[in-house]
N, C-alpha and C. Protein backbone atom coordinates (compact mmCIF):
# COMPACT_ATOMS: atom_id res chain seq x y z
N MET A 1 142.88 214.94 -138.79
CA MET A 1 143.08 215.33 -137.42
C MET A 1 143.64 214.12 -136.66
N LYS A 2 144.57 214.39 -135.80
CA LYS A 2 145.21 213.36 -134.99
C LYS A 2 144.97 213.69 -133.52
N VAL A 3 144.59 212.69 -132.72
CA VAL A 3 144.37 212.86 -131.29
C VAL A 3 145.36 211.96 -130.56
N ARG A 4 146.05 212.54 -129.57
CA ARG A 4 147.01 211.73 -128.83
C ARG A 4 147.20 212.25 -127.42
N ARG A 5 147.61 211.33 -126.55
CA ARG A 5 147.92 211.67 -125.17
C ARG A 5 149.38 212.10 -125.09
N LEU A 6 149.62 213.25 -124.47
CA LEU A 6 150.99 213.71 -124.32
C LEU A 6 151.70 212.88 -123.26
N GLU A 7 152.97 212.65 -123.51
CA GLU A 7 153.81 211.88 -122.59
C GLU A 7 154.94 212.77 -122.10
N ILE A 8 155.76 212.26 -121.22
CA ILE A 8 156.83 213.04 -120.61
C ILE A 8 157.73 213.70 -121.65
N ASN A 9 157.95 213.05 -122.79
CA ASN A 9 158.79 213.62 -123.85
C ASN A 9 158.13 214.82 -124.54
N ASP A 10 156.84 215.02 -124.28
CA ASP A 10 156.07 216.10 -124.91
C ASP A 10 155.92 217.32 -124.00
N ALA A 11 156.80 217.46 -123.02
CA ALA A 11 156.67 218.54 -122.04
C ALA A 11 156.64 219.91 -122.71
N GLN A 12 157.47 220.13 -123.71
CA GLN A 12 157.49 221.44 -124.37
C GLN A 12 156.18 221.72 -125.11
N THR A 13 155.60 220.69 -125.71
CA THR A 13 154.29 220.85 -126.34
C THR A 13 153.24 221.18 -125.30
N ALA A 14 153.32 220.53 -124.14
CA ALA A 14 152.37 220.79 -123.05
C ALA A 14 152.48 222.24 -122.57
N VAL A 15 153.70 222.74 -122.46
CA VAL A 15 153.91 224.14 -122.07
C VAL A 15 153.21 225.06 -123.08
N MET A 16 153.39 224.79 -124.36
CA MET A 16 152.78 225.59 -125.40
C MET A 16 151.25 225.54 -125.32
N VAL A 17 150.70 224.38 -125.05
CA VAL A 17 149.24 224.23 -124.94
C VAL A 17 148.71 225.09 -123.80
N VAL A 18 149.37 225.04 -122.64
CA VAL A 18 148.94 225.85 -121.49
C VAL A 18 149.03 227.33 -121.82
N GLU A 19 150.12 227.74 -122.44
CA GLU A 19 150.27 229.16 -122.80
C GLU A 19 149.23 229.59 -123.83
N GLN A 20 149.02 228.76 -124.84
CA GLN A 20 148.10 229.11 -125.93
C GLN A 20 146.64 229.14 -125.47
N PHE A 21 146.22 228.15 -124.70
CA PHE A 21 144.80 228.03 -124.37
C PHE A 21 144.43 228.61 -123.01
N ALA A 22 145.37 228.66 -122.05
CA ALA A 22 145.06 229.18 -120.72
C ALA A 22 145.70 230.54 -120.47
N GLY A 23 146.64 230.94 -121.34
CA GLY A 23 147.30 232.22 -121.16
C GLY A 23 148.21 232.28 -119.95
N LYS A 24 148.70 231.13 -119.49
CA LYS A 24 149.57 231.06 -118.31
C LYS A 24 150.93 230.49 -118.69
N SER A 25 151.95 230.93 -117.97
CA SER A 25 153.28 230.36 -118.16
C SER A 25 153.49 229.25 -117.14
N ILE A 26 154.11 228.19 -117.59
CA ILE A 26 154.39 227.04 -116.72
C ILE A 26 155.72 226.45 -117.18
N SER A 27 156.47 225.90 -116.27
CA SER A 27 157.80 225.40 -116.63
C SER A 27 157.71 224.02 -117.28
N ALA A 28 158.66 223.74 -118.14
CA ALA A 28 158.75 222.42 -118.76
C ALA A 28 159.02 221.36 -117.70
N GLU A 29 159.77 221.70 -116.67
CA GLU A 29 160.05 220.76 -115.59
C GLU A 29 158.76 220.35 -114.88
N TYR A 30 157.90 221.32 -114.59
CA TYR A 30 156.62 221.01 -113.97
C TYR A 30 155.78 220.11 -114.87
N MET A 31 155.76 220.41 -116.17
CA MET A 31 154.97 219.61 -117.10
C MET A 31 155.52 218.20 -117.21
N ARG A 32 156.84 218.02 -117.16
CA ARG A 32 157.41 216.66 -117.17
C ARG A 32 156.94 215.89 -115.95
N GLU A 33 156.92 216.54 -114.79
CA GLU A 33 156.45 215.90 -113.56
C GLU A 33 154.97 215.55 -113.69
N PHE A 34 154.16 216.49 -114.20
CA PHE A 34 152.73 216.27 -114.39
C PHE A 34 152.48 215.10 -115.34
N LEU A 35 153.16 215.09 -116.47
CA LEU A 35 152.94 214.06 -117.48
C LEU A 35 153.49 212.70 -117.06
N SER A 36 154.43 212.66 -116.12
CA SER A 36 154.99 211.39 -115.67
C SER A 36 154.03 210.64 -114.73
N ASN A 37 153.02 211.33 -114.22
CA ASN A 37 152.04 210.70 -113.34
C ASN A 37 150.96 210.03 -114.19
N PRO A 38 150.81 208.71 -114.09
CA PRO A 38 149.83 208.02 -114.95
C PRO A 38 148.38 208.41 -114.66
N ALA A 39 148.12 209.09 -113.56
CA ALA A 39 146.76 209.53 -113.23
C ALA A 39 146.40 210.84 -113.93
N ASN A 40 147.38 211.49 -114.54
CA ASN A 40 147.15 212.76 -115.24
C ASN A 40 147.09 212.52 -116.74
N TYR A 41 146.14 213.17 -117.38
CA TYR A 41 145.96 213.04 -118.82
C TYR A 41 145.95 214.42 -119.46
N LEU A 42 146.76 214.62 -120.46
CA LEU A 42 146.69 215.81 -121.30
C LEU A 42 146.63 215.29 -122.73
N ILE A 43 145.46 215.38 -123.31
CA ILE A 43 145.20 214.84 -124.64
C ILE A 43 145.00 216.02 -125.59
N ILE A 44 145.68 215.97 -126.73
CA ILE A 44 145.56 217.07 -127.69
C ILE A 44 145.02 216.57 -129.02
N ALA A 45 144.39 217.48 -129.73
CA ALA A 45 143.96 217.25 -131.11
C ALA A 45 144.85 218.12 -131.99
N GLU A 46 145.46 217.51 -132.99
CA GLU A 46 146.35 218.23 -133.90
C GLU A 46 145.76 218.21 -135.31
N ALA A 47 145.79 219.36 -135.96
CA ALA A 47 145.35 219.48 -137.35
C ALA A 47 146.43 220.25 -138.10
N GLU A 48 146.95 219.64 -139.14
CA GLU A 48 148.00 220.27 -139.95
C GLU A 48 149.18 220.72 -139.07
N ASN A 49 149.60 219.83 -138.16
CA ASN A 49 150.74 220.07 -137.26
C ASN A 49 150.54 221.23 -136.30
N ASN A 50 149.30 221.62 -136.06
CA ASN A 50 148.97 222.65 -135.08
C ASN A 50 148.01 222.06 -134.06
N VAL A 51 148.15 222.47 -132.81
CA VAL A 51 147.23 222.02 -131.77
C VAL A 51 145.91 222.75 -131.96
N ALA A 52 144.85 221.97 -132.15
CA ALA A 52 143.52 222.53 -132.38
C ALA A 52 142.66 222.53 -131.12
N GLY A 53 143.02 221.70 -130.14
CA GLY A 53 142.26 221.62 -128.90
C GLY A 53 142.91 220.65 -127.95
N PHE A 54 142.40 220.62 -126.72
CA PHE A 54 142.98 219.72 -125.73
C PHE A 54 141.93 219.29 -124.71
N LEU A 55 142.28 218.25 -123.97
CA LEU A 55 141.49 217.76 -122.86
C LEU A 55 142.45 217.49 -121.72
N LEU A 56 142.15 218.02 -120.56
CA LEU A 56 142.95 217.79 -119.36
C LEU A 56 142.08 217.02 -118.39
N ALA A 57 142.60 215.91 -117.87
CA ALA A 57 141.82 215.08 -116.96
C ALA A 57 142.72 214.45 -115.91
N HIS A 58 142.11 214.04 -114.81
CA HIS A 58 142.82 213.37 -113.72
C HIS A 58 142.00 212.13 -113.35
N ALA A 59 142.65 210.99 -113.24
CA ALA A 59 141.97 209.78 -112.80
C ALA A 59 141.82 209.86 -111.28
N LEU A 60 140.62 209.68 -110.80
CA LEU A 60 140.37 209.71 -109.37
C LEU A 60 140.14 208.30 -108.84
N GLN A 61 140.77 208.00 -107.75
CA GLN A 61 140.58 206.70 -107.14
C GLN A 61 139.32 206.78 -106.26
N ARG A 62 138.45 205.80 -106.41
CA ARG A 62 137.21 205.79 -105.65
C ARG A 62 137.14 204.56 -104.76
N LEU A 63 136.42 204.72 -103.66
CA LEU A 63 136.18 203.58 -102.80
C LEU A 63 135.14 202.70 -103.45
N LYS A 64 135.34 201.41 -103.37
CA LYS A 64 134.36 200.47 -103.90
C LYS A 64 133.43 200.04 -102.76
N GLN A 65 132.17 199.99 -103.08
CA GLN A 65 131.19 199.56 -102.08
C GLN A 65 131.07 198.05 -102.11
N ASN A 66 130.94 197.47 -100.95
CA ASN A 66 130.67 196.04 -100.88
C ASN A 66 129.18 195.84 -101.05
N SER A 67 128.80 194.97 -101.97
CA SER A 67 127.36 194.74 -102.23
C SER A 67 126.83 193.63 -101.39
């Protein structure tokens, strides 16, 4: 099994992941924009050249407290 973060060049794979796992259609252009943002993460697990699962995450900026 191979785990990797999708990058802008993987937009078509990202479209397939959304269609396969969420049952929604989304444009490759939108996915390129999404993947180009370093705060967005789409991580997939591949087994035998097939997507077996995914993780979608967003980095959130937080305020730091002064101690």
